[in-house]
Amino acid sequence: MRLMLWQLSEVVFVASLLGLAACANTPSRFYMLNPLSPSEGTSPASQAERGPTIGLGPINFPTYLDRPQIVSRASRHQLALGEFDRWAEPLQENFSRVLAENLSLLIPTDRMFLHEWPRSVTLDYQVRVEVLHFDGWLGGEGTLVARWSILDQAERGLLNRHVSLNAPTGGQGYEAMVVAMNQMLDTLSRDIAAAIQRLASRAVARE
């Protein structure tokens, strides 16, 4: 009887080691959000030199997204982490850089500064973003909930918005979810760019 128990324990131990080895050898997949292509800009790139000076940030993210694994929804109250599906860089940094590139293209302007910019820079507009939720359901849809505001050079509020965006994933895997997240970031970028353009047009009309 003792021999049988020892043999069973040995089998379980070996199986556990094989399982750990399999996990160790599973390759991780890395993903990134990407900016709009130049052809998706609304104005000729040459006009960028005449664009406003914009400061982007701070951009705040919830703590639950501060991790390399891609976060998805398992239920309304439960999150799942993609152990082998990860961001190639911190999501907050990736989000901020892509938003800056998109705004530079859509407005357009070549005077875009990420927080914290040099004290010597005089801004026309400052854009602040607070991301509340940025995740999704595998095989379902992605969700982006955020508050954003535009301030003038004296940091007086010009516009405040609360947005809740959704995009279908169109697939079961993490790549499909990242594509949906990218689409929502594109939409957010277009909304902010359009708001800045309207404010700039009004400022010119008053001159």
N, C-alpha and C. Protein backbone atom coordinates (compact mmCIF):
# COMPACT_ATOMS: atom_id res chain seq x y z
N MET A 1 0.83 -1.20 0.00
CA MET A 1 0.00 0.00 0.00
C MET A 1 0.87 1.26 0.00
N ARG A 2 1.91 1.23 0.88
CA ARG A 2 2.82 2.38 0.91
C ARG A 2 3.51 2.57 -0.44
N LEU A 3 3.86 1.43 -1.08
CA LEU A 3 4.52 1.50 -2.38
C LEU A 3 3.61 2.14 -3.41
N MET A 4 2.35 1.77 -3.38
CA MET A 4 1.39 2.33 -4.35
C MET A 4 1.23 3.83 -4.13
N LEU A 5 1.14 4.27 -2.86
CA LEU A 5 1.00 5.69 -2.57
C LEU A 5 2.24 6.46 -3.01
N TRP A 6 3.41 5.87 -2.76
CA TRP A 6 4.65 6.54 -3.18
C TRP A 6 4.72 6.68 -4.70
N GLN A 7 4.32 5.61 -5.42
CA GLN A 7 4.33 5.66 -6.88
C GLN A 7 3.35 6.70 -7.39
N LEU A 8 2.16 6.77 -6.76
CA LEU A 8 1.17 7.76 -7.17
C LEU A 8 1.69 9.17 -6.94
N SER A 9 2.31 9.38 -5.80
CA SER A 9 2.88 10.71 -5.51
C SER A 9 3.94 11.08 -6.53
N GLU A 10 4.75 10.09 -6.92
CA GLU A 10 5.81 10.34 -7.90
C GLU A 10 5.22 10.74 -9.24
N VAL A 11 4.13 10.07 -9.64
CA VAL A 11 3.48 10.38 -10.91
C VAL A 11 2.92 11.81 -10.89
N VAL A 12 2.26 12.18 -9.77
CA VAL A 12 1.71 13.52 -9.65
C VAL A 12 2.82 14.56 -9.69
N PHE A 13 3.95 14.29 -9.02
CA PHE A 13 5.07 15.22 -8.99
C PHE A 13 5.64 15.43 -10.39
N VAL A 14 5.84 14.32 -11.12
CA VAL A 14 6.39 14.41 -12.48
C VAL A 14 5.42 15.16 -13.39
N ALA A 15 4.12 14.89 -13.24
CA ALA A 15 3.13 15.59 -14.07
C ALA A 15 3.15 17.08 -13.80
N SER A 16 3.32 17.46 -12.53
CA SER A 16 3.39 18.88 -12.17
C SER A 16 4.60 19.55 -12.80
N LEU A 17 5.74 18.85 -12.77
CA LEU A 17 6.94 19.40 -13.38
C LEU A 17 6.77 19.58 -14.88
N LEU A 18 6.13 18.60 -15.52
CA LEU A 18 5.89 18.71 -16.96
C LEU A 18 4.96 19.87 -17.27
N GLY A 19 3.97 20.09 -16.39
CA GLY A 19 3.06 21.21 -16.60
C GLY A 19 3.77 22.54 -16.47
N LEU A 20 4.64 22.65 -15.46
CA LEU A 20 5.41 23.88 -15.29
C LEU A 20 6.35 24.11 -16.46
N ALA A 21 6.96 23.04 -16.95
CA ALA A 21 7.87 23.18 -18.09
C ALA A 21 7.12 23.64 -19.33
N ALA A 22 5.91 23.12 -19.50
CA ALA A 22 5.11 23.52 -20.67
C ALA A 22 4.77 24.99 -20.59
N CYS A 23 4.40 25.45 -19.37
CA CYS A 23 4.08 26.87 -19.20
C CYS A 23 5.31 27.74 -19.45
N ALA A 24 6.45 27.28 -18.97
CA ALA A 24 7.68 28.05 -19.14
C ALA A 24 8.06 28.18 -20.59
N ASN A 25 7.70 27.17 -21.38
CA ASN A 25 8.07 27.19 -22.80
C ASN A 25 7.01 27.84 -23.68
N THR A 26 5.88 28.26 -23.08
CA THR A 26 4.83 28.92 -23.87
C THR A 26 5.28 30.33 -24.22
N PRO A 27 5.39 30.67 -25.50
CA PRO A 27 5.86 32.00 -25.88
C PRO A 27 4.80 33.06 -25.61
N SER A 28 5.22 34.19 -25.08
CA SER A 28 4.31 35.31 -24.86
C SER A 28 4.10 36.06 -26.16
N ARG A 29 2.92 36.66 -26.29
CA ARG A 29 2.59 37.49 -27.45
C ARG A 29 2.47 38.93 -26.96
N PHE A 30 3.05 39.87 -27.71
CA PHE A 30 3.09 41.26 -27.29
C PHE A 30 2.33 42.13 -28.28
N TYR A 31 1.62 43.12 -27.73
CA TYR A 31 0.73 43.94 -28.55
C TYR A 31 0.98 45.42 -28.28
N MET A 32 0.59 46.25 -29.28
CA MET A 32 0.70 47.70 -29.14
C MET A 32 -0.48 48.37 -29.81
N LEU A 33 -0.87 49.52 -29.25
CA LEU A 33 -1.79 50.41 -29.94
C LEU A 33 -0.98 51.22 -30.94
N ASN A 34 -1.58 51.52 -32.10
CA ASN A 34 -0.87 52.22 -33.16
C ASN A 34 -1.60 53.48 -33.57
N PRO A 35 -0.86 54.52 -34.00
CA PRO A 35 -1.49 55.77 -34.43
C PRO A 35 -2.16 55.64 -35.79
N LEU A 36 -2.95 56.64 -36.11
CA LEU A 36 -3.58 56.71 -37.43
C LEU A 36 -2.51 56.82 -38.51
N SER A 37 -2.84 56.37 -39.69
CA SER A 37 -1.91 56.52 -40.81
C SER A 37 -1.98 57.95 -41.34
N PRO A 38 -0.92 58.46 -41.96
CA PRO A 38 -0.93 59.83 -42.47
C PRO A 38 -2.10 60.13 -43.40
N SER A 39 -2.57 59.14 -44.14
CA SER A 39 -3.68 59.36 -45.07
C SER A 39 -4.99 59.64 -44.36
N GLU A 40 -5.04 59.36 -43.04
CA GLU A 40 -6.27 59.59 -42.28
C GLU A 40 -6.34 60.98 -41.67
N GLY A 41 -5.32 61.80 -41.93
CA GLY A 41 -5.34 63.18 -41.46
C GLY A 41 -6.39 63.98 -42.20
N THR A 42 -6.89 65.05 -41.56
CA THR A 42 -7.94 65.84 -42.16
C THR A 42 -7.43 67.03 -42.96
N SER A 43 -6.14 67.34 -42.83
CA SER A 43 -5.58 68.51 -43.51
C SER A 43 -4.19 68.17 -44.04
N PRO A 44 -3.71 68.90 -45.05
CA PRO A 44 -2.36 68.66 -45.55
C PRO A 44 -1.33 68.79 -44.44
N ALA A 45 -0.33 67.91 -44.47
CA ALA A 45 0.71 67.93 -43.44
C ALA A 45 1.45 69.25 -43.39
N SER A 46 1.53 69.96 -44.53
CA SER A 46 2.26 71.22 -44.56
C SER A 46 1.63 72.28 -43.67
N GLN A 47 0.32 72.13 -43.36
CA GLN A 47 -0.34 73.11 -42.51
C GLN A 47 0.01 72.94 -41.04
N ALA A 48 0.67 71.85 -40.71
CA ALA A 48 0.99 71.57 -39.32
C ALA A 48 1.83 72.67 -38.70
N GLU A 49 2.68 73.32 -39.50
CA GLU A 49 3.55 74.35 -38.98
C GLU A 49 2.75 75.55 -38.46
N ARG A 50 1.50 75.70 -38.92
CA ARG A 50 0.67 76.82 -38.48
C ARG A 50 -0.31 76.39 -37.39
N GLY A 51 -0.16 75.18 -36.89
CA GLY A 51 -1.08 74.67 -35.89
C GLY A 51 -0.83 75.25 -34.52
N PRO A 52 -1.79 75.07 -33.62
CA PRO A 52 -1.65 75.58 -32.25
C PRO A 52 -0.64 74.78 -31.44
N THR A 53 -0.19 75.37 -30.35
CA THR A 53 0.71 74.69 -29.42
C THR A 53 -0.15 73.99 -28.36
N ILE A 54 0.01 72.68 -28.28
CA ILE A 54 -0.87 71.89 -27.43
C ILE A 54 -0.05 71.08 -26.42
N GLY A 55 -0.47 71.10 -25.20
CA GLY A 55 0.12 70.25 -24.16
C GLY A 55 -0.85 69.13 -23.83
N LEU A 56 -0.39 67.92 -23.93
CA LEU A 56 -1.24 66.76 -23.68
C LEU A 56 -0.86 66.13 -22.34
N GLY A 57 -1.78 66.20 -21.41
CA GLY A 57 -1.55 65.59 -20.11
C GLY A 57 -1.86 66.53 -18.97
N PRO A 58 -1.88 66.01 -17.78
CA PRO A 58 -1.61 64.59 -17.48
C PRO A 58 -2.71 63.67 -18.00
N ILE A 59 -2.31 62.44 -18.29
CA ILE A 59 -3.24 61.38 -18.67
C ILE A 59 -3.18 60.33 -17.56
N ASN A 60 -4.27 60.17 -16.86
CA ASN A 60 -4.32 59.27 -15.72
C ASN A 60 -5.05 57.98 -16.05
N PHE A 61 -4.53 56.87 -15.54
CA PHE A 61 -5.10 55.55 -15.77
C PHE A 61 -5.46 54.90 -14.44
N PRO A 62 -6.47 54.03 -14.41
CA PRO A 62 -6.78 53.31 -13.17
C PRO A 62 -5.69 52.30 -12.85
N THR A 63 -5.52 52.01 -11.57
CA THR A 63 -4.45 51.12 -11.13
C THR A 63 -4.58 49.72 -11.70
N TYR A 64 -5.80 49.25 -11.93
CA TYR A 64 -5.97 47.87 -12.38
C TYR A 64 -5.36 47.62 -13.76
N LEU A 65 -5.10 48.68 -14.51
CA LEU A 65 -4.49 48.54 -15.82
C LEU A 65 -2.97 48.68 -15.78
N ASP A 66 -2.43 48.95 -14.60
CA ASP A 66 -0.99 49.16 -14.47
C ASP A 66 -0.30 47.81 -14.30
N ARG A 67 -0.23 47.06 -15.39
CA ARG A 67 0.37 45.72 -15.38
C ARG A 67 0.69 45.35 -16.83
N PRO A 68 1.64 44.47 -17.06
CA PRO A 68 1.99 44.10 -18.45
C PRO A 68 0.93 43.24 -19.13
N GLN A 69 0.16 42.45 -18.36
CA GLN A 69 -0.83 41.58 -18.97
C GLN A 69 -2.02 42.39 -19.50
N ILE A 70 -2.59 41.94 -20.59
CA ILE A 70 -3.80 42.56 -21.11
C ILE A 70 -4.97 42.15 -20.22
N VAL A 71 -5.76 43.11 -19.80
CA VAL A 71 -6.88 42.87 -18.90
C VAL A 71 -8.16 42.73 -19.72
N SER A 72 -8.90 41.67 -19.47
CA SER A 72 -10.20 41.48 -20.11
C SER A 72 -11.25 41.23 -19.03
N ARG A 73 -12.50 41.26 -19.45
CA ARG A 73 -13.61 41.04 -18.52
C ARG A 73 -14.05 39.58 -18.57
N ALA A 74 -14.09 38.94 -17.40
CA ALA A 74 -14.64 37.59 -17.30
C ALA A 74 -16.11 37.65 -16.92
N SER A 75 -16.47 38.68 -16.16
CA SER A 75 -17.86 38.95 -15.80
C SER A 75 -17.92 40.43 -15.41
N ARG A 76 -19.08 40.85 -14.97
CA ARG A 76 -19.21 42.26 -14.58
C ARG A 76 -18.26 42.61 -13.45
N HIS A 77 -18.01 41.66 -12.55
CA HIS A 77 -17.20 41.93 -11.37
C HIS A 77 -15.85 41.22 -11.37
N GLN A 78 -15.57 40.44 -12.40
CA GLN A 78 -14.33 39.67 -12.43
C GLN A 78 -13.50 40.01 -13.65
N LEU A 79 -12.19 40.19 -13.42
CA LEU A 79 -11.25 40.47 -14.48
C LEU A 79 -10.39 39.24 -14.75
N ALA A 80 -9.90 39.14 -15.98
CA ALA A 80 -8.98 38.07 -16.35
C ALA A 80 -7.72 38.69 -16.92
N LEU A 81 -6.57 38.09 -16.63
CA LEU A 81 -5.28 38.59 -17.13
C LEU A 81 -4.75 37.65 -18.19
N GLY A 82 -4.31 38.21 -19.30
CA GLY A 82 -3.70 37.40 -20.35
C GLY A 82 -2.25 37.11 -19.99
N GLU A 83 -2.01 35.99 -19.34
CA GLU A 83 -0.66 35.70 -18.85
C GLU A 83 0.36 35.66 -19.97
N PHE A 84 -0.04 35.21 -21.14
CA PHE A 84 0.88 35.12 -22.28
C PHE A 84 0.52 36.11 -23.38
N ASP A 85 -0.38 37.05 -23.07
CA ASP A 85 -0.77 38.11 -24.00
C ASP A 85 -0.58 39.44 -23.29
N ARG A 86 0.48 40.15 -23.68
CA ARG A 86 0.93 41.29 -22.91
C ARG A 86 1.14 42.53 -23.78
N TRP A 87 1.16 43.68 -23.11
CA TRP A 87 1.50 44.93 -23.78
C TRP A 87 3.01 45.01 -23.97
N ALA A 88 3.42 45.51 -25.10
CA ALA A 88 4.86 45.62 -25.40
C ALA A 88 5.51 46.74 -24.59
N GLU A 89 4.71 47.66 -24.09
CA GLU A 89 5.18 48.73 -23.21
C GLU A 89 4.02 49.08 -22.28
N PRO A 90 4.26 49.83 -21.21
CA PRO A 90 3.15 50.20 -20.33
C PRO A 90 2.01 50.83 -21.10
N LEU A 91 0.79 50.36 -20.83
CA LEU A 91 -0.37 50.80 -21.61
C LEU A 91 -0.57 52.31 -21.53
N GLN A 92 -0.35 52.90 -20.38
CA GLN A 92 -0.54 54.34 -20.23
C GLN A 92 0.41 55.12 -21.14
N GLU A 93 1.66 54.67 -21.24
CA GLU A 93 2.63 55.34 -22.11
C GLU A 93 2.25 55.16 -23.58
N ASN A 94 1.84 53.95 -23.94
CA ASN A 94 1.44 53.66 -25.31
C ASN A 94 0.23 54.51 -25.70
N PHE A 95 -0.76 54.56 -24.83
CA PHE A 95 -1.97 55.34 -25.05
C PHE A 95 -1.63 56.82 -25.24
N SER A 96 -0.80 57.36 -24.36
CA SER A 96 -0.44 58.78 -24.41
C SER A 96 0.28 59.14 -25.70
N ARG A 97 1.25 58.31 -26.08
CA ARG A 97 2.01 58.59 -27.29
C ARG A 97 1.14 58.53 -28.54
N VAL A 98 0.29 57.53 -28.61
CA VAL A 98 -0.58 57.38 -29.78
C VAL A 98 -1.58 58.53 -29.87
N LEU A 99 -2.14 58.92 -28.72
CA LEU A 99 -3.07 60.06 -28.73
C LEU A 99 -2.37 61.33 -29.20
N ALA A 100 -1.14 61.54 -28.76
CA ALA A 100 -0.38 62.71 -29.18
C ALA A 100 -0.12 62.68 -30.69
N GLU A 101 0.27 61.54 -31.21
CA GLU A 101 0.52 61.42 -32.64
C GLU A 101 -0.76 61.65 -33.44
N ASN A 102 -1.87 61.11 -32.94
CA ASN A 102 -3.14 61.28 -33.65
C ASN A 102 -3.57 62.75 -33.68
N LEU A 103 -3.46 63.43 -32.55
CA LEU A 103 -3.85 64.84 -32.51
C LEU A 103 -2.96 65.69 -33.41
N SER A 104 -1.66 65.38 -33.42
CA SER A 104 -0.74 66.11 -34.30
C SER A 104 -1.15 65.98 -35.76
N LEU A 105 -1.65 64.81 -36.11
CA LEU A 105 -2.05 64.54 -37.49
C LEU A 105 -3.41 65.15 -37.82
N LEU A 106 -4.34 65.05 -36.90
CA LEU A 106 -5.72 65.45 -37.18
C LEU A 106 -5.95 66.96 -37.11
N ILE A 107 -5.19 67.68 -36.28
CA ILE A 107 -5.49 69.10 -36.10
C ILE A 107 -5.13 69.97 -37.31
N PRO A 108 -4.00 69.90 -37.95
CA PRO A 108 -2.72 69.29 -37.57
C PRO A 108 -1.83 70.33 -36.90
N THR A 109 -0.79 69.84 -36.21
CA THR A 109 0.19 70.72 -35.59
C THR A 109 1.48 69.95 -35.37
N ASP A 110 2.59 70.67 -35.44
CA ASP A 110 3.86 70.05 -35.11
C ASP A 110 4.36 70.56 -33.76
N ARG A 111 3.46 71.20 -33.02
CA ARG A 111 3.82 71.74 -31.71
C ARG A 111 2.98 71.05 -30.64
N MET A 112 3.27 69.78 -30.48
CA MET A 112 2.57 68.94 -29.51
C MET A 112 3.55 68.52 -28.42
N PHE A 113 3.19 68.73 -27.17
CA PHE A 113 4.08 68.42 -26.05
C PHE A 113 3.36 67.50 -25.07
N LEU A 114 4.06 66.45 -24.67
CA LEU A 114 3.54 65.55 -23.66
C LEU A 114 3.91 66.06 -22.27
N HIS A 115 3.06 65.80 -21.31
CA HIS A 115 3.30 66.18 -19.93
C HIS A 115 4.51 65.40 -19.38
N GLU A 116 5.47 66.04 -18.76
CA GLU A 116 5.55 67.44 -18.42
C GLU A 116 6.42 68.16 -19.44
N TRP A 117 5.90 69.23 -20.01
CA TRP A 117 6.62 69.99 -21.02
C TRP A 117 7.48 71.07 -20.36
N PRO A 118 8.46 71.63 -21.09
CA PRO A 118 9.33 72.67 -20.52
C PRO A 118 8.54 73.91 -20.09
N ARG A 119 8.98 74.54 -19.04
CA ARG A 119 8.31 75.75 -18.54
C ARG A 119 8.34 76.88 -19.57
N SER A 120 9.29 76.81 -20.47
CA SER A 120 9.41 77.88 -21.46
C SER A 120 8.33 77.80 -22.56
N VAL A 121 7.62 76.69 -22.63
CA VAL A 121 6.60 76.50 -23.66
C VAL A 121 5.32 77.24 -23.28
N THR A 122 4.82 78.04 -24.19
CA THR A 122 3.54 78.73 -24.00
C THR A 122 2.47 77.98 -24.78
N LEU A 123 1.53 77.42 -24.08
CA LEU A 123 0.50 76.60 -24.71
C LEU A 123 -0.69 77.44 -25.17
N ASP A 124 -1.28 77.01 -26.25
CA ASP A 124 -2.59 77.54 -26.64
C ASP A 124 -3.70 76.74 -25.96
N TYR A 125 -3.48 75.43 -25.89
CA TYR A 125 -4.47 74.55 -25.27
C TYR A 125 -3.77 73.43 -24.51
N GLN A 126 -4.39 73.03 -23.42
CA GLN A 126 -3.93 71.86 -22.68
C GLN A 126 -5.07 70.84 -22.64
N VAL A 127 -4.73 69.59 -22.91
CA VAL A 127 -5.72 68.51 -22.90
C VAL A 127 -5.39 67.57 -21.75
N ARG A 128 -6.36 67.38 -20.87
CA ARG A 128 -6.21 66.44 -19.77
C ARG A 128 -7.18 65.28 -19.97
N VAL A 129 -6.73 64.09 -19.66
CA VAL A 129 -7.55 62.90 -19.85
C VAL A 129 -7.48 62.03 -18.60
N GLU A 130 -8.63 61.59 -18.14
CA GLU A 130 -8.70 60.60 -17.06
C GLU A 130 -9.42 59.38 -17.60
N VAL A 131 -8.69 58.29 -17.77
CA VAL A 131 -9.28 57.04 -18.25
C VAL A 131 -9.85 56.30 -17.05
N LEU A 132 -11.12 55.93 -17.14
CA LEU A 132 -11.79 55.23 -16.04
C LEU A 132 -11.84 53.73 -16.30
N HIS A 133 -12.09 53.34 -17.55
CA HIS A 133 -12.11 51.93 -17.94
C HIS A 133 -11.54 51.83 -19.36
N PHE A 134 -10.70 50.82 -19.56
CA PHE A 134 -10.17 50.58 -20.91
C PHE A 134 -9.85 49.09 -20.98
N ASP A 135 -10.84 48.30 -21.37
CA ASP A 135 -10.69 46.85 -21.40
C ASP A 135 -11.76 46.29 -22.32
N GLY A 136 -12.10 45.02 -22.19
CA GLY A 136 -13.11 44.45 -23.06
C GLY A 136 -13.37 42.99 -22.78
N TRP A 137 -14.31 42.44 -23.52
CA TRP A 137 -14.70 41.04 -23.43
C TRP A 137 -14.14 40.32 -24.64
N LEU A 138 -13.37 39.28 -24.41
CA LEU A 138 -12.87 38.49 -25.53
C LEU A 138 -14.06 37.91 -26.30
N GLY A 139 -14.07 38.15 -27.59
CA GLY A 139 -15.18 37.68 -28.40
C GLY A 139 -16.42 38.55 -28.28
N GLY A 140 -16.31 39.68 -27.59
CA GLY A 140 -17.45 40.57 -27.39
C GLY A 140 -17.18 41.97 -27.90
N GLU A 141 -16.94 42.88 -26.98
CA GLU A 141 -16.65 44.25 -27.37
C GLU A 141 -15.69 44.90 -26.38
N GLY A 142 -15.02 45.93 -26.87
CA GLY A 142 -14.13 46.71 -26.02
C GLY A 142 -14.87 47.91 -25.47
N THR A 143 -14.38 48.45 -24.35
CA THR A 143 -15.00 49.60 -23.70
C THR A 143 -13.94 50.61 -23.29
N LEU A 144 -14.20 51.87 -23.60
CA LEU A 144 -13.35 52.97 -23.15
C LEU A 144 -14.26 54.01 -22.51
N VAL A 145 -14.07 54.22 -21.22
CA VAL A 145 -14.80 55.25 -20.49
C VAL A 145 -13.77 56.25 -19.98
N ALA A 146 -13.99 57.52 -20.28
CA ALA A 146 -12.99 58.53 -19.91
C ALA A 146 -13.64 59.89 -19.73
N ARG A 147 -12.93 60.73 -18.99
CA ARG A 147 -13.27 62.15 -18.90
C ARG A 147 -12.12 62.93 -19.49
N TRP A 148 -12.41 63.90 -20.32
CA TRP A 148 -11.35 64.73 -20.86
C TRP A 148 -11.77 66.20 -20.86
N SER A 149 -10.78 67.06 -20.79
CA SER A 149 -11.05 68.49 -20.74
C SER A 149 -9.99 69.25 -21.53
N ILE A 150 -10.38 70.43 -21.97
CA ILE A 150 -9.47 71.33 -22.69
C ILE A 150 -9.38 72.63 -21.90
N LEU A 151 -8.16 73.07 -21.64
CA LEU A 151 -7.92 74.30 -20.90
C LEU A 151 -7.17 75.29 -21.79
N ASP A 152 -7.29 76.59 -21.47
CA ASP A 152 -6.54 77.59 -22.22
C ASP A 152 -5.17 77.77 -21.59
N GLN A 153 -4.41 78.73 -22.08
CA GLN A 153 -3.04 78.91 -21.61
C GLN A 153 -2.97 79.36 -20.15
N ALA A 154 -4.08 79.88 -19.62
CA ALA A 154 -4.14 80.27 -18.22
C ALA A 154 -4.73 79.15 -17.37
N GLU A 155 -4.89 77.96 -17.96
CA GLU A 155 -5.45 76.77 -17.31
C GLU A 155 -6.90 76.98 -16.87
N ARG A 156 -7.61 77.80 -17.64
CA ARG A 156 -9.05 77.94 -17.41
C ARG A 156 -9.78 76.93 -18.28
N GLY A 157 -10.77 76.27 -17.70
CA GLY A 157 -11.49 75.24 -18.43
C GLY A 157 -12.31 75.80 -19.58
N LEU A 158 -12.13 75.24 -20.76
CA LEU A 158 -12.90 75.64 -21.93
C LEU A 158 -13.96 74.61 -22.30
N LEU A 159 -13.68 73.35 -21.97
CA LEU A 159 -14.58 72.28 -22.38
C LEU A 159 -14.33 71.05 -21.51
N ASN A 160 -15.41 70.39 -21.12
CA ASN A 160 -15.32 69.15 -20.35
C ASN A 160 -16.25 68.12 -20.97
N ARG A 161 -15.75 66.90 -21.10
CA ARG A 161 -16.56 65.85 -21.71
C ARG A 161 -16.39 64.54 -20.93
N HIS A 162 -17.45 63.76 -20.88
CA HIS A 162 -17.42 62.39 -20.36
C HIS A 162 -17.86 61.49 -21.50
N VAL A 163 -17.03 60.52 -21.86
CA VAL A 163 -17.34 59.67 -23.01
C VAL A 163 -17.36 58.21 -22.59
N SER A 164 -18.23 57.45 -23.24
CA SER A 164 -18.30 56.00 -23.06
C SER A 164 -18.37 55.39 -24.45
N LEU A 165 -17.28 54.76 -24.87
CA LEU A 165 -17.16 54.23 -26.23
C LEU A 165 -17.13 52.71 -26.20
N ASN A 166 -17.69 52.11 -27.23
CA ASN A 166 -17.67 50.66 -27.39
C ASN A 166 -17.31 50.31 -28.82
N ALA A 167 -16.65 49.18 -28.99
CA ALA A 167 -16.30 48.69 -30.33
C ALA A 167 -16.32 47.17 -30.32
N PRO A 168 -16.99 46.53 -31.27
CA PRO A 168 -17.00 45.06 -31.32
C PRO A 168 -15.62 44.53 -31.65
N THR A 169 -15.27 43.41 -31.03
CA THR A 169 -13.94 42.84 -31.26
C THR A 169 -13.86 42.13 -32.61
N GLY A 170 -14.95 41.54 -33.05
CA GLY A 170 -14.94 40.86 -34.34
C GLY A 170 -14.10 39.60 -34.35
N GLY A 171 -13.75 39.10 -33.19
CA GLY A 171 -12.93 37.88 -33.09
C GLY A 171 -12.81 37.44 -31.65
N GLN A 172 -12.26 36.25 -31.44
CA GLN A 172 -12.21 35.67 -30.10
C GLN A 172 -10.93 35.99 -29.33
N GLY A 173 -9.84 36.28 -30.01
CA GLY A 173 -8.55 36.39 -29.36
C GLY A 173 -8.22 37.78 -28.86
N TYR A 174 -7.03 37.89 -28.24
CA TYR A 174 -6.57 39.16 -27.69
C TYR A 174 -6.26 40.17 -28.79
N GLU A 175 -5.75 39.72 -29.92
CA GLU A 175 -5.44 40.68 -30.99
C GLU A 175 -6.69 41.39 -31.45
N ALA A 176 -7.80 40.65 -31.57
CA ALA A 176 -9.06 41.27 -31.97
C ALA A 176 -9.51 42.31 -30.94
N MET A 177 -9.28 42.03 -29.66
CA MET A 177 -9.65 42.99 -28.63
C MET A 177 -8.77 44.23 -28.68
N VAL A 178 -7.48 44.04 -28.95
CA VAL A 178 -6.57 45.19 -29.06
C VAL A 178 -6.96 46.05 -30.25
N VAL A 179 -7.37 45.43 -31.35
CA VAL A 179 -7.83 46.19 -32.52
C VAL A 179 -9.05 47.05 -32.15
N ALA A 180 -9.99 46.46 -31.39
CA ALA A 180 -11.17 47.21 -30.95
C ALA A 180 -10.76 48.37 -30.05
N MET A 181 -9.80 48.14 -29.15
CA MET A 181 -9.32 49.20 -28.27
C MET A 181 -8.68 50.32 -29.07
N ASN A 182 -7.96 49.94 -30.12
CA ASN A 182 -7.32 50.93 -30.99
C ASN A 182 -8.37 51.79 -31.70
N GLN A 183 -9.45 51.16 -32.12
CA GLN A 183 -10.53 51.90 -32.79
C GLN A 183 -11.16 52.93 -31.85
N MET A 184 -11.33 52.55 -30.60
CA MET A 184 -11.90 53.50 -29.63
C MET A 184 -10.96 54.65 -29.36
N LEU A 185 -9.66 54.38 -29.30
CA LEU A 185 -8.69 55.45 -29.13
C LEU A 185 -8.70 56.38 -30.35
N ASP A 186 -8.87 55.82 -31.54
CA ASP A 186 -8.99 56.64 -32.75
C ASP A 186 -10.19 57.59 -32.64
N THR A 187 -11.32 57.04 -32.18
CA THR A 187 -12.53 57.86 -32.03
C THR A 187 -12.33 58.97 -31.01
N LEU A 188 -11.71 58.63 -29.88
CA LEU A 188 -11.42 59.65 -28.87
C LEU A 188 -10.52 60.73 -29.45
N SER A 189 -9.52 60.33 -30.20
CA SER A 189 -8.59 61.29 -30.82
C SER A 189 -9.33 62.24 -31.74
N ARG A 190 -10.23 61.71 -32.55
CA ARG A 190 -10.99 62.55 -33.50
C ARG A 190 -11.89 63.52 -32.76
N ASP A 191 -12.52 63.07 -31.67
CA ASP A 191 -13.40 63.95 -30.91
C ASP A 191 -12.62 65.10 -30.29
N ILE A 192 -11.47 64.81 -29.70
CA ILE A 192 -10.66 65.86 -29.08
C ILE A 192 -10.12 66.82 -30.13
N ALA A 193 -9.64 66.27 -31.24
CA ALA A 193 -9.10 67.12 -32.31
C ALA A 193 -10.17 68.05 -32.86
N ALA A 194 -11.38 67.53 -33.07
CA ALA A 194 -12.47 68.36 -33.60
C ALA A 194 -12.81 69.48 -32.62
N ALA A 195 -12.78 69.18 -31.32
CA ALA A 195 -13.08 70.20 -30.31
C ALA A 195 -12.02 71.30 -30.32
N ILE A 196 -10.77 70.92 -30.43
CA ILE A 196 -9.69 71.93 -30.48
C ILE A 196 -9.81 72.78 -31.73
N GLN A 197 -10.13 72.16 -32.84
CA GLN A 197 -10.28 72.92 -34.08
C GLN A 197 -11.42 73.93 -33.98
N ARG A 198 -12.52 73.54 -33.34
CA ARG A 198 -13.64 74.48 -33.17
C ARG A 198 -13.24 75.65 -32.27
N LEU A 199 -12.54 75.35 -31.19
CA LEU A 199 -12.09 76.41 -30.29
C LEU A 199 -11.12 77.35 -30.99
N ALA A 200 -10.22 76.79 -31.78
CA ALA A 200 -9.24 77.61 -32.50
C ALA A 200 -9.93 78.49 -33.53
N SER A 201 -10.94 77.96 -34.20
CA SER A 201 -11.68 78.74 -35.21
C SER A 201 -12.40 79.91 -34.55
N ARG A 202 -12.99 79.69 -33.38
CA ARG A 202 -13.68 80.76 -32.67
C ARG A 202 -12.69 81.83 -32.22
N ALA A 203 -11.50 81.40 -31.80
CA ALA A 203 -10.49 82.36 -31.36
C ALA A 203 -10.05 83.24 -32.52
N VAL A 204 -9.90 82.65 -33.70
CA VAL A 204 -9.50 83.41 -34.88
C VAL A 204 -10.60 84.37 -35.27
N ALA A 205 -11.86 83.95 -35.17
CA ALA A 205 -12.99 84.81 -35.54
C ALA A 205 -13.10 86.01 -34.63
N ARG A 206 -12.67 85.88 -33.39
CA ARG A 206 -12.75 87.00 -32.46
C ARG A 206 -11.63 88.01 -32.65
N GLU A 207 -10.58 87.61 -33.37
CA GLU A 207 -9.44 88.53 -33.55
C GLU A 207 -9.76 89.65 -34.54
